[in-house]
């Protein structure tokens, strides 16, 4: 798995260039709009820190913590953060199923384009652990792929559709409202963006 992420780490940000070109319709904007100043945000499986950096630029008083298991993704993320001169992001190499944080300590938790890549047991462990460190008044914000009904966008999305693991095809057909209820989370908002949906959850 580390080898795979080493291969894709340098080109991972092409997702924003190809699929999220229109920032106003992108999941980055939808996530940003749900983060407020002075909050403490955890970006699980942060990758190259695209969400974290977007938030840090616009919300200078917000503290963002990004974690990932991939050293190569984190290396790219560190370089981007340094180039942007950002001081309100901290990155850690960490397993999302065993977070080294106290319970009830984050206002917002982001899980972006992750769950569809995992089998249900592993995804469940990540959600359960995220729920543990989320404040009772906090929100979990999930970004996941959503194939478009427009022909042009369907064609552009085809590489993602065919390159994603088998778990992706099962995940996008699931009733996510019921899925998250299993983990004690209620859907508060479900926003449809370019190629994605951004789901805001609160503890039941």
N, C-alpha and C. Protein backbone atom coordinates (compact mmCIF):
# COMPACT_ATOMS: atom_id res chain seq x y z
N UNK A 1 0.83 -1.21 0.00
CA UNK A 1 0.00 0.00 0.00
C UNK A 1 0.86 1.26 0.00
N UNK A 2 1.97 1.25 0.75
CA UNK A 2 2.87 2.40 0.77
C UNK A 2 3.44 2.65 -0.62
N UNK A 3 3.73 1.56 -1.36
CA UNK A 3 4.27 1.68 -2.72
C UNK A 3 3.24 2.35 -3.62
N UNK A 4 1.98 1.93 -3.48
CA UNK A 4 0.89 2.52 -4.29
C UNK A 4 0.80 4.02 -4.05
N UNK A 5 0.80 4.44 -2.78
CA UNK A 5 0.68 5.86 -2.48
C UNK A 5 1.92 6.64 -2.87
N UNK A 6 3.07 5.97 -2.90
CA UNK A 6 4.29 6.63 -3.38
C UNK A 6 4.15 6.96 -4.85
N UNK A 7 3.52 6.05 -5.60
CA UNK A 7 3.34 6.25 -7.04
C UNK A 7 2.37 7.40 -7.31
N UNK A 8 1.26 7.44 -6.58
CA UNK A 8 0.21 8.43 -6.90
C UNK A 8 0.37 9.76 -6.17
N UNK A 9 1.25 9.83 -5.17
CA UNK A 9 1.31 11.03 -4.32
C UNK A 9 1.58 12.31 -5.10
N UNK A 10 2.50 12.25 -6.07
CA UNK A 10 2.87 13.47 -6.80
C UNK A 10 1.80 13.92 -7.78
N UNK A 11 0.94 12.98 -8.20
CA UNK A 11 -0.10 13.36 -9.15
C UNK A 11 -1.49 13.43 -8.55
N UNK A 12 -1.59 13.24 -7.24
CA UNK A 12 -2.90 13.15 -6.59
C UNK A 12 -3.70 14.44 -6.72
N UNK A 13 -3.01 15.58 -6.74
CA UNK A 13 -3.72 16.85 -6.80
C UNK A 13 -4.33 17.13 -8.17
N UNK A 14 -4.09 16.24 -9.14
CA UNK A 14 -4.76 16.37 -10.43
C UNK A 14 -6.28 16.22 -10.29
N UNK A 15 -6.72 15.59 -9.20
CA UNK A 15 -8.17 15.49 -8.96
C UNK A 15 -8.81 16.88 -8.96
N UNK A 16 -8.12 17.83 -8.33
CA UNK A 16 -8.66 19.19 -8.27
C UNK A 16 -8.65 19.84 -9.65
N UNK A 17 -7.63 19.56 -10.44
CA UNK A 17 -7.50 20.15 -11.76
C UNK A 17 -8.56 19.60 -12.71
N UNK A 18 -8.80 18.30 -12.63
CA UNK A 18 -9.71 17.65 -13.57
C UNK A 18 -11.17 17.71 -13.12
N UNK A 19 -11.42 17.38 -11.85
CA UNK A 19 -12.81 17.20 -11.39
C UNK A 19 -13.36 18.36 -10.57
N UNK A 20 -12.47 19.14 -9.96
CA UNK A 20 -12.94 20.20 -9.07
C UNK A 20 -12.50 21.57 -9.56
N UNK A 21 -12.51 21.76 -10.89
CA UNK A 21 -12.02 23.02 -11.47
C UNK A 21 -12.87 24.21 -11.04
N UNK A 22 -14.17 24.01 -11.01
CA UNK A 22 -15.08 25.08 -10.61
C UNK A 22 -15.20 25.07 -9.09
N UNK A 23 -14.44 25.93 -8.44
CA UNK A 23 -14.36 25.90 -6.98
C UNK A 23 -15.72 26.06 -6.32
N UNK A 24 -16.58 26.90 -6.91
CA UNK A 24 -17.89 27.16 -6.30
C UNK A 24 -18.76 25.90 -6.25
N UNK A 25 -18.53 24.96 -7.17
CA UNK A 25 -19.32 23.73 -7.21
C UNK A 25 -18.55 22.53 -6.67
N UNK A 26 -17.38 22.78 -6.13
CA UNK A 26 -16.50 21.70 -5.69
C UNK A 26 -16.77 21.29 -4.25
N UNK A 27 -16.39 20.08 -3.88
CA UNK A 27 -16.51 19.66 -2.48
C UNK A 27 -15.59 20.46 -1.56
N UNK A 28 -14.49 20.99 -2.09
CA UNK A 28 -13.60 21.81 -1.27
C UNK A 28 -14.37 23.02 -0.71
N UNK A 29 -15.16 23.66 -1.58
CA UNK A 29 -15.94 24.83 -1.16
C UNK A 29 -17.03 24.43 -0.17
N UNK A 30 -17.70 23.30 -0.44
CA UNK A 30 -18.77 22.84 0.46
C UNK A 30 -18.23 22.54 1.85
N UNK A 31 -17.06 21.93 1.92
CA UNK A 31 -16.43 21.64 3.21
C UNK A 31 -16.02 22.93 3.90
N UNK A 32 -15.35 23.81 3.15
CA UNK A 32 -14.89 25.09 3.70
C UNK A 32 -16.03 25.88 4.33
N UNK A 33 -17.19 25.89 3.69
CA UNK A 33 -18.33 26.66 4.18
C UNK A 33 -18.86 26.13 5.51
N UNK A 34 -18.48 24.92 5.88
CA UNK A 34 -18.97 24.30 7.11
C UNK A 34 -17.95 24.35 8.24
N UNK A 35 -16.85 25.06 8.02
CA UNK A 35 -15.82 25.24 9.03
C UNK A 35 -15.81 26.70 9.48
N UNK A 36 -15.67 26.92 10.79
CA UNK A 36 -15.70 28.28 11.32
C UNK A 36 -14.39 28.61 12.05
N UNK A 37 -14.16 29.90 12.19
CA UNK A 37 -12.95 30.36 12.89
C UNK A 37 -12.91 29.80 14.31
N UNK A 38 -11.71 29.56 14.79
CA UNK A 38 -11.44 29.12 16.16
C UNK A 38 -11.89 27.68 16.44
N UNK A 39 -12.24 26.94 15.41
CA UNK A 39 -12.56 25.54 15.60
C UNK A 39 -11.30 24.69 15.50
N UNK A 40 -11.39 23.49 16.06
CA UNK A 40 -10.31 22.52 15.95
C UNK A 40 -10.78 21.42 15.01
N UNK A 41 -10.06 21.24 13.90
CA UNK A 41 -10.49 20.36 12.82
C UNK A 41 -9.50 19.21 12.65
N UNK A 42 -10.02 18.01 12.51
CA UNK A 42 -9.20 16.83 12.22
C UNK A 42 -9.50 16.37 10.80
N UNK A 43 -8.46 16.31 9.97
CA UNK A 43 -8.60 15.84 8.59
C UNK A 43 -8.01 14.43 8.53
N UNK A 44 -8.91 13.42 8.57
CA UNK A 44 -8.47 12.03 8.56
C UNK A 44 -8.03 11.61 7.16
N UNK A 45 -6.93 10.86 7.09
CA UNK A 45 -6.41 10.41 5.79
C UNK A 45 -6.26 11.62 4.88
N UNK A 46 -5.52 12.60 5.36
CA UNK A 46 -5.43 13.92 4.72
C UNK A 46 -4.80 13.88 3.35
N UNK A 47 -4.02 12.84 3.02
CA UNK A 47 -3.38 12.77 1.71
C UNK A 47 -2.41 13.91 1.51
N UNK A 48 -2.60 14.68 0.45
CA UNK A 48 -1.73 15.83 0.18
C UNK A 48 -2.27 17.12 0.82
N UNK A 49 -3.21 16.96 1.74
CA UNK A 49 -3.74 18.06 2.57
C UNK A 49 -4.52 19.11 1.77
N UNK A 50 -5.18 18.71 0.70
CA UNK A 50 -5.92 19.68 -0.12
C UNK A 50 -7.01 20.39 0.68
N UNK A 51 -7.82 19.63 1.42
CA UNK A 51 -8.86 20.26 2.24
C UNK A 51 -8.26 21.10 3.35
N UNK A 52 -7.26 20.55 4.03
CA UNK A 52 -6.64 21.25 5.16
C UNK A 52 -6.06 22.59 4.73
N UNK A 53 -5.40 22.62 3.58
CA UNK A 53 -4.78 23.85 3.10
C UNK A 53 -5.84 24.87 2.69
N UNK A 54 -6.89 24.41 2.03
CA UNK A 54 -7.99 25.31 1.65
C UNK A 54 -8.57 25.99 2.88
N UNK A 55 -8.78 25.20 3.92
CA UNK A 55 -9.35 25.75 5.17
C UNK A 55 -8.36 26.69 5.85
N UNK A 56 -7.10 26.26 5.95
CA UNK A 56 -6.09 27.06 6.65
C UNK A 56 -5.90 28.43 6.02
N UNK A 57 -6.00 28.51 4.70
CA UNK A 57 -5.84 29.80 4.01
C UNK A 57 -6.97 30.76 4.34
N UNK A 58 -8.18 30.23 4.44
CA UNK A 58 -9.36 31.08 4.63
C UNK A 58 -9.73 31.30 6.09
N UNK A 59 -9.34 30.38 6.96
CA UNK A 59 -9.72 30.44 8.38
C UNK A 59 -8.44 30.44 9.22
N UNK A 60 -7.81 31.58 9.30
CA UNK A 60 -6.48 31.66 9.91
C UNK A 60 -6.47 31.35 11.40
N UNK A 61 -7.62 31.47 12.06
CA UNK A 61 -7.68 31.18 13.50
C UNK A 61 -8.17 29.76 13.80
N UNK A 62 -8.35 28.98 12.75
CA UNK A 62 -8.76 27.59 12.92
C UNK A 62 -7.53 26.70 12.96
N UNK A 63 -7.53 25.76 13.89
CA UNK A 63 -6.41 24.83 14.02
C UNK A 63 -6.78 23.52 13.31
N UNK A 64 -5.94 23.11 12.36
CA UNK A 64 -6.20 21.90 11.59
C UNK A 64 -5.12 20.87 11.85
N UNK A 65 -5.56 19.66 12.13
CA UNK A 65 -4.65 18.52 12.31
C UNK A 65 -4.93 17.53 11.19
N UNK A 66 -3.89 17.18 10.43
CA UNK A 66 -4.05 16.19 9.37
C UNK A 66 -3.27 14.94 9.70
N UNK A 67 -3.89 13.77 9.51
CA UNK A 67 -3.17 12.52 9.76
C UNK A 67 -3.26 11.62 8.53
N UNK A 68 -2.22 10.84 8.31
CA UNK A 68 -2.19 9.88 7.21
C UNK A 68 -1.13 8.83 7.51
N UNK A 69 -1.30 7.65 6.92
CA UNK A 69 -0.30 6.58 7.09
C UNK A 69 0.79 6.65 6.03
N UNK A 70 0.54 7.38 4.94
CA UNK A 70 1.48 7.42 3.83
C UNK A 70 2.54 8.50 4.03
N UNK A 71 3.78 8.09 4.17
CA UNK A 71 4.88 9.04 4.30
C UNK A 71 5.00 9.91 3.06
N UNK A 72 4.76 9.33 1.89
CA UNK A 72 4.91 10.06 0.64
C UNK A 72 3.84 11.12 0.47
N UNK A 73 2.59 10.79 0.84
CA UNK A 73 1.53 11.78 0.80
C UNK A 73 1.84 12.93 1.76
N UNK A 74 2.29 12.58 2.96
CA UNK A 74 2.61 13.60 3.96
C UNK A 74 3.78 14.48 3.52
N UNK A 75 4.72 13.89 2.81
CA UNK A 75 5.86 14.67 2.31
C UNK A 75 5.38 15.73 1.34
N UNK A 76 4.50 15.34 0.41
CA UNK A 76 3.92 16.30 -0.53
C UNK A 76 3.14 17.38 0.23
N UNK A 77 2.35 16.94 1.22
CA UNK A 77 1.56 17.87 2.02
C UNK A 77 2.45 18.88 2.75
N UNK A 78 3.51 18.40 3.37
CA UNK A 78 4.44 19.29 4.09
C UNK A 78 5.01 20.34 3.15
N UNK A 79 5.40 19.93 1.96
CA UNK A 79 5.97 20.87 0.99
C UNK A 79 4.96 21.94 0.58
N UNK A 80 3.72 21.55 0.38
CA UNK A 80 2.67 22.50 0.01
C UNK A 80 2.39 23.49 1.13
N UNK A 81 2.36 22.98 2.35
CA UNK A 81 2.11 23.84 3.52
C UNK A 81 3.24 24.86 3.68
N UNK A 82 4.46 24.39 3.50
CA UNK A 82 5.62 25.29 3.61
C UNK A 82 5.59 26.37 2.53
N UNK A 83 5.28 25.98 1.29
CA UNK A 83 5.24 26.94 0.19
C UNK A 83 4.17 28.00 0.41
N UNK A 84 3.07 27.61 1.07
CA UNK A 84 1.98 28.55 1.33
C UNK A 84 2.18 29.34 2.62
N UNK A 85 3.24 29.02 3.37
CA UNK A 85 3.55 29.75 4.59
C UNK A 85 2.48 29.61 5.66
N UNK A 86 1.85 28.45 5.74
CA UNK A 86 0.75 28.24 6.68
C UNK A 86 1.27 27.75 8.03
N UNK A 87 0.73 28.32 9.10
CA UNK A 87 1.18 27.99 10.45
C UNK A 87 0.11 27.29 11.27
N UNK A 88 -1.09 27.15 10.73
CA UNK A 88 -2.19 26.59 11.51
C UNK A 88 -2.56 25.16 11.12
N UNK A 89 -1.61 24.45 10.48
CA UNK A 89 -1.80 23.03 10.16
C UNK A 89 -0.67 22.23 10.77
N UNK A 90 -1.02 21.12 11.42
CA UNK A 90 -0.03 20.16 11.91
C UNK A 90 -0.33 18.80 11.31
N UNK A 91 0.70 18.12 10.85
CA UNK A 91 0.54 16.81 10.22
C UNK A 91 1.21 15.72 11.04
N UNK A 92 0.57 14.56 11.07
CA UNK A 92 1.12 13.42 11.80
C UNK A 92 0.96 12.14 10.99
N UNK A 93 1.96 11.29 11.05
CA UNK A 93 1.82 9.94 10.49
C UNK A 93 1.10 9.11 11.54
N UNK A 94 -0.12 8.66 11.21
CA UNK A 94 -0.96 8.02 12.21
C UNK A 94 -2.00 7.12 11.55
N UNK A 95 -2.36 6.06 12.25
CA UNK A 95 -3.38 5.12 11.80
C UNK A 95 -4.76 5.66 12.19
N UNK A 96 -5.65 5.84 11.22
CA UNK A 96 -6.98 6.40 11.49
C UNK A 96 -7.85 5.47 12.33
N UNK A 97 -7.47 4.20 12.46
CA UNK A 97 -8.25 3.28 13.30
C UNK A 97 -7.75 3.28 14.74
N UNK A 98 -6.64 3.93 15.01
CA UNK A 98 -6.09 4.04 16.37
C UNK A 98 -5.55 5.45 16.57
N UNK A 99 -6.44 6.40 16.73
CA UNK A 99 -6.04 7.80 16.86
C UNK A 99 -5.44 8.10 18.23
N UNK A 100 -4.37 8.84 18.22
CA UNK A 100 -3.67 9.17 19.46
C UNK A 100 -4.16 10.52 20.01
N UNK A 101 -5.47 10.66 20.08
CA UNK A 101 -6.08 11.88 20.61
C UNK A 101 -7.08 11.51 21.69
N UNK A 102 -7.32 12.45 22.58
CA UNK A 102 -8.32 12.25 23.63
C UNK A 102 -9.71 12.22 23.02
N UNK A 103 -10.65 11.63 23.73
CA UNK A 103 -12.04 11.61 23.28
C UNK A 103 -12.63 13.02 23.34
N UNK A 104 -13.59 13.28 22.47
CA UNK A 104 -14.36 14.54 22.48
C UNK A 104 -13.49 15.79 22.41
N UNK A 105 -12.58 15.83 21.43
CA UNK A 105 -11.67 16.98 21.40
C UNK A 105 -11.68 17.77 20.08
N UNK A 106 -12.40 17.31 19.06
CA UNK A 106 -12.44 18.04 17.79
C UNK A 106 -13.84 18.56 17.48
N UNK A 107 -13.89 19.79 16.96
CA UNK A 107 -15.17 20.39 16.57
C UNK A 107 -15.67 19.81 15.25
N UNK A 108 -14.76 19.57 14.32
CA UNK A 108 -15.11 19.03 13.01
C UNK A 108 -14.11 17.93 12.64
N UNK A 109 -14.62 16.90 12.00
CA UNK A 109 -13.76 15.84 11.48
C UNK A 109 -14.10 15.62 10.02
N UNK A 110 -13.07 15.62 9.18
CA UNK A 110 -13.24 15.45 7.74
C UNK A 110 -12.76 14.06 7.32
N UNK A 111 -13.57 13.40 6.51
CA UNK A 111 -13.17 12.13 5.89
C UNK A 111 -13.51 12.25 4.41
N UNK A 112 -12.49 12.45 3.59
CA UNK A 112 -12.73 12.79 2.19
C UNK A 112 -12.21 11.73 1.23
N UNK A 113 -13.12 11.16 0.43
CA UNK A 113 -12.79 10.19 -0.62
C UNK A 113 -11.96 9.03 -0.06
N UNK A 114 -12.41 8.52 1.07
CA UNK A 114 -11.70 7.45 1.76
C UNK A 114 -12.54 6.19 1.92
N UNK A 115 -13.75 6.33 2.42
CA UNK A 115 -14.55 5.18 2.85
C UNK A 115 -14.83 4.20 1.72
N UNK A 116 -15.00 4.69 0.50
CA UNK A 116 -15.33 3.81 -0.62
C UNK A 116 -14.17 2.88 -0.98
N UNK A 117 -12.96 3.20 -0.53
CA UNK A 117 -11.79 2.39 -0.85
C UNK A 117 -11.58 1.23 0.11
N UNK A 118 -12.39 1.17 1.16
CA UNK A 118 -12.14 0.24 2.24
C UNK A 118 -13.25 -0.80 2.36
N UNK A 119 -12.89 -1.97 2.90
CA UNK A 119 -13.96 -2.92 3.22
C UNK A 119 -14.74 -2.39 4.42
N UNK A 120 -15.94 -2.91 4.60
CA UNK A 120 -16.85 -2.34 5.61
C UNK A 120 -16.27 -2.40 7.01
N UNK A 121 -15.54 -3.45 7.32
CA UNK A 121 -14.98 -3.57 8.68
C UNK A 121 -13.97 -2.47 8.96
N UNK A 122 -13.06 -2.24 8.02
CA UNK A 122 -12.04 -1.21 8.20
C UNK A 122 -12.66 0.18 8.21
N UNK A 123 -13.60 0.43 7.28
CA UNK A 123 -14.28 1.72 7.25
C UNK A 123 -15.02 1.97 8.56
N UNK A 124 -15.64 0.92 9.09
CA UNK A 124 -16.36 1.04 10.35
C UNK A 124 -15.46 1.41 11.51
N UNK A 125 -14.26 0.85 11.51
CA UNK A 125 -13.29 1.17 12.57
C UNK A 125 -12.89 2.64 12.51
N UNK A 126 -12.71 3.15 11.31
CA UNK A 126 -12.34 4.56 11.15
C UNK A 126 -13.47 5.48 11.61
N UNK A 127 -14.69 5.16 11.21
CA UNK A 127 -15.84 5.99 11.61
C UNK A 127 -16.03 5.95 13.13
N UNK A 128 -15.90 4.76 13.72
CA UNK A 128 -16.06 4.61 15.17
C UNK A 128 -15.01 5.42 15.93
N UNK A 129 -13.78 5.37 15.45
CA UNK A 129 -12.70 6.11 16.10
C UNK A 129 -12.89 7.61 15.91
N UNK A 130 -13.33 8.00 14.72
CA UNK A 130 -13.61 9.42 14.48
C UNK A 130 -14.72 9.91 15.40
N UNK A 131 -15.74 9.10 15.58
CA UNK A 131 -16.85 9.45 16.46
C UNK A 131 -16.38 9.62 17.90
N UNK A 132 -15.40 8.84 18.29
CA UNK A 132 -14.86 8.92 19.67
C UNK A 132 -14.20 10.27 19.93
N UNK A 133 -13.42 10.76 18.97
CA UNK A 133 -12.67 12.00 19.20
C UNK A 133 -13.47 13.24 18.83
N UNK A 134 -14.66 13.06 18.25
CA UNK A 134 -15.52 14.18 17.90
C UNK A 134 -16.28 14.67 19.14
N UNK A 135 -16.34 15.97 19.32
CA UNK A 135 -17.12 16.53 20.43
C UNK A 135 -18.60 16.17 20.26
N UNK A 136 -19.31 16.10 21.37
CA UNK A 136 -20.74 15.78 21.30
C UNK A 136 -21.50 16.81 20.47
N UNK A 137 -21.01 18.04 20.45
CA UNK A 137 -21.66 19.11 19.67
C UNK A 137 -21.03 19.26 18.28
N UNK A 138 -20.06 18.42 17.98
CA UNK A 138 -19.30 18.57 16.73
C UNK A 138 -20.00 17.96 15.52
N UNK A 139 -19.33 18.05 14.37
CA UNK A 139 -19.86 17.52 13.12
C UNK A 139 -18.78 16.75 12.37
N UNK A 140 -19.20 15.64 11.77
CA UNK A 140 -18.34 14.88 10.89
C UNK A 140 -18.76 15.19 9.46
N UNK A 141 -17.80 15.52 8.61
CA UNK A 141 -18.11 15.91 7.23
C UNK A 141 -17.46 14.90 6.28
N UNK A 142 -18.31 14.18 5.58
CA UNK A 142 -17.87 13.10 4.69
C UNK A 142 -17.99 13.56 3.24
N UNK A 143 -16.91 13.43 2.48
CA UNK A 143 -16.96 13.67 1.04
C UNK A 143 -16.79 12.34 0.33
N UNK A 144 -17.71 12.04 -0.59
CA UNK A 144 -17.62 10.79 -1.35
C UNK A 144 -18.01 11.01 -2.80
N UNK A 145 -17.49 10.15 -3.66
CA UNK A 145 -17.81 10.24 -5.08
C UNK A 145 -19.31 10.06 -5.32
N UNK A 146 -19.80 10.75 -6.33
CA UNK A 146 -21.17 10.57 -6.80
C UNK A 146 -21.18 10.76 -8.31
N UNK A 147 -21.31 9.68 -9.08
CA UNK A 147 -21.29 9.80 -10.54
C UNK A 147 -22.39 10.73 -11.04
N UNK A 148 -22.04 11.56 -12.01
CA UNK A 148 -23.00 12.51 -12.58
C UNK A 148 -23.92 11.81 -13.57
N UNK A 149 -25.11 12.39 -13.77
CA UNK A 149 -26.05 11.88 -14.77
C UNK A 149 -25.81 12.52 -16.14
N UNK A 150 -24.99 13.57 -16.18
CA UNK A 150 -24.68 14.24 -17.44
C UNK A 150 -23.66 13.42 -18.24
N UNK A 151 -23.91 13.24 -19.51
CA UNK A 151 -23.08 12.36 -20.34
C UNK A 151 -21.62 12.78 -20.35
N UNK A 152 -21.35 14.08 -20.57
CA UNK A 152 -19.96 14.54 -20.60
C UNK A 152 -19.24 14.24 -19.30
N UNK A 153 -19.91 14.52 -18.18
CA UNK A 153 -19.29 14.30 -16.88
C UNK A 153 -19.12 12.80 -16.60
N UNK A 154 -20.06 11.99 -17.09
CA UNK A 154 -19.93 10.54 -16.92
C UNK A 154 -18.70 10.02 -17.66
N UNK A 155 -18.47 10.55 -18.86
CA UNK A 155 -17.31 10.15 -19.64
C UNK A 155 -16.01 10.60 -18.96
N UNK A 156 -16.01 11.82 -18.44
CA UNK A 156 -14.82 12.34 -17.77
C UNK A 156 -14.53 11.56 -16.48
N UNK A 157 -15.61 11.07 -15.86
CA UNK A 157 -15.47 10.35 -14.59
C UNK A 157 -15.12 8.87 -14.79
N UNK A 158 -15.20 8.39 -16.02
CA UNK A 158 -14.98 6.97 -16.31
C UNK A 158 -13.67 6.42 -15.74
N UNK A 159 -12.54 7.14 -15.83
CA UNK A 159 -11.30 6.60 -15.25
C UNK A 159 -11.41 6.31 -13.75
N UNK A 160 -12.08 7.20 -13.03
CA UNK A 160 -12.28 6.97 -11.60
C UNK A 160 -13.15 5.74 -11.39
N UNK A 161 -14.24 5.66 -12.14
CA UNK A 161 -15.19 4.56 -11.99
C UNK A 161 -14.53 3.21 -12.20
N UNK A 162 -13.63 3.12 -13.16
CA UNK A 162 -13.03 1.82 -13.49
C UNK A 162 -11.74 1.53 -12.74
N UNK A 163 -11.09 2.55 -12.22
CA UNK A 163 -9.84 2.34 -11.51
C UNK A 163 -10.02 2.13 -10.00
N UNK A 164 -11.16 2.57 -9.48
CA UNK A 164 -11.41 2.39 -8.05
C UNK A 164 -11.55 0.89 -7.72
N UNK A 165 -11.25 0.50 -6.48
CA UNK A 165 -11.39 -0.91 -6.08
C UNK A 165 -12.84 -1.38 -6.08
N UNK A 166 -13.04 -2.68 -5.96
CA UNK A 166 -14.39 -3.26 -5.98
C UNK A 166 -15.28 -2.68 -4.89
N UNK A 167 -14.70 -2.29 -3.79
CA UNK A 167 -15.49 -1.73 -2.69
C UNK A 167 -16.22 -0.46 -3.10
N UNK A 168 -15.67 0.26 -4.07
CA UNK A 168 -16.29 1.51 -4.54
C UNK A 168 -17.67 1.25 -5.12
N UNK A 169 -17.80 0.25 -5.97
CA UNK A 169 -19.07 -0.02 -6.63
C UNK A 169 -20.16 -0.39 -5.63
N UNK A 170 -19.77 -1.09 -4.58
CA UNK A 170 -20.73 -1.44 -3.54
C UNK A 170 -21.09 -0.21 -2.72
N UNK A 171 -20.10 0.61 -2.40
CA UNK A 171 -20.31 1.75 -1.52
C UNK A 171 -21.25 2.78 -2.13
N UNK A 172 -21.08 3.09 -3.42
CA UNK A 172 -21.90 4.16 -4.01
C UNK A 172 -23.36 3.75 -4.18
N UNK A 173 -23.66 2.46 -4.03
CA UNK A 173 -25.04 2.00 -4.12
C UNK A 173 -25.73 1.91 -2.76
N UNK A 174 -24.95 2.15 -1.70
CA UNK A 174 -25.48 2.01 -0.35
C UNK A 174 -26.39 3.18 0.05
N UNK A 175 -27.32 2.90 0.94
CA UNK A 175 -28.11 3.95 1.59
C UNK A 175 -27.23 4.51 2.72
N UNK A 176 -26.56 5.62 2.44
CA UNK A 176 -25.60 6.15 3.40
C UNK A 176 -26.25 6.69 4.66
N UNK A 177 -27.51 7.09 4.57
CA UNK A 177 -28.20 7.56 5.77
C UNK A 177 -28.30 6.43 6.80
N UNK A 178 -28.72 5.25 6.35
CA UNK A 178 -28.81 4.09 7.24
C UNK A 178 -27.43 3.60 7.65
N UNK A 179 -26.51 3.69 6.72
CA UNK A 179 -25.12 3.25 6.98
C UNK A 179 -24.53 4.02 8.16
N UNK A 180 -24.65 5.33 8.15
CA UNK A 180 -24.06 6.13 9.22
C UNK A 180 -24.84 6.01 10.53
N UNK A 181 -26.12 5.73 10.44
CA UNK A 181 -26.92 5.52 11.66
C UNK A 181 -26.38 4.35 12.47
N UNK A 182 -25.83 3.36 11.80
CA UNK A 182 -25.24 2.20 12.49
C UNK A 182 -24.14 2.62 13.45
N UNK A 183 -23.52 3.74 13.16
CA UNK A 183 -22.40 4.22 13.97
C UNK A 183 -22.80 5.41 14.85
N UNK A 184 -24.10 5.57 15.05
CA UNK A 184 -24.57 6.62 15.95
C UNK A 184 -24.50 8.02 15.37
N UNK A 185 -24.68 8.13 14.05
CA UNK A 185 -24.58 9.43 13.39
C UNK A 185 -25.81 9.69 12.52
N UNK A 186 -26.33 10.91 12.61
CA UNK A 186 -27.47 11.32 11.81
C UNK A 186 -27.04 12.30 10.73
N UNK A 187 -27.59 12.16 9.53
CA UNK A 187 -27.30 13.10 8.45
C UNK A 187 -28.03 14.42 8.71
N UNK A 188 -27.27 15.51 8.71
CA UNK A 188 -27.83 16.84 8.90
C UNK A 188 -27.99 17.57 7.57
N UNK A 189 -27.10 17.26 6.64
CA UNK A 189 -27.09 17.95 5.36
C UNK A 189 -26.41 17.05 4.33
N UNK A 190 -26.92 17.08 3.10
CA UNK A 190 -26.36 16.27 2.02
C UNK A 190 -26.29 17.16 0.78
N UNK A 191 -25.09 17.61 0.46
CA UNK A 191 -24.91 18.56 -0.63
C UNK A 191 -24.29 17.86 -1.84
N UNK A 192 -24.87 18.09 -3.01
CA UNK A 192 -24.39 17.47 -4.23
C UNK A 192 -23.49 18.46 -4.97
N UNK A 193 -22.22 18.09 -5.10
CA UNK A 193 -21.22 18.93 -5.75
C UNK A 193 -20.78 18.26 -7.05
N UNK A 194 -19.81 18.83 -7.74
CA UNK A 194 -19.29 18.20 -8.95
C UNK A 194 -18.68 16.84 -8.61
N UNK A 195 -19.27 15.78 -9.15
CA UNK A 195 -18.78 14.41 -9.03
C UNK A 195 -18.80 13.86 -7.60
N UNK A 196 -19.31 14.61 -6.67
CA UNK A 196 -19.25 14.22 -5.26
C UNK A 196 -20.50 14.64 -4.51
N UNK A 197 -20.62 14.10 -3.29
CA UNK A 197 -21.61 14.60 -2.34
C UNK A 197 -20.88 14.83 -1.02
N UNK A 198 -21.29 15.88 -0.32
CA UNK A 198 -20.69 16.23 0.96
C UNK A 198 -21.77 16.09 2.02
N UNK A 199 -21.56 15.14 2.94
CA UNK A 199 -22.57 14.79 3.93
C UNK A 199 -22.11 15.23 5.31
N UNK A 200 -22.93 16.04 5.97
CA UNK A 200 -22.63 16.51 7.32
C UNK A 200 -23.40 15.65 8.32
N UNK A 201 -22.68 15.13 9.32
CA UNK A 201 -23.26 14.22 10.31
C UNK A 201 -23.09 14.76 11.72
N UNK A 202 -24.06 14.44 12.57
CA UNK A 202 -23.96 14.75 14.00
C UNK A 202 -24.26 13.48 14.80
N UNK A 203 -23.75 13.46 16.01
CA UNK A 203 -24.02 12.32 16.88
C UNK A 203 -25.51 12.25 17.23
N UNK A 204 -26.02 11.03 17.25
CA UNK A 204 -27.43 10.83 17.63
C UNK A 204 -27.60 11.06 19.12
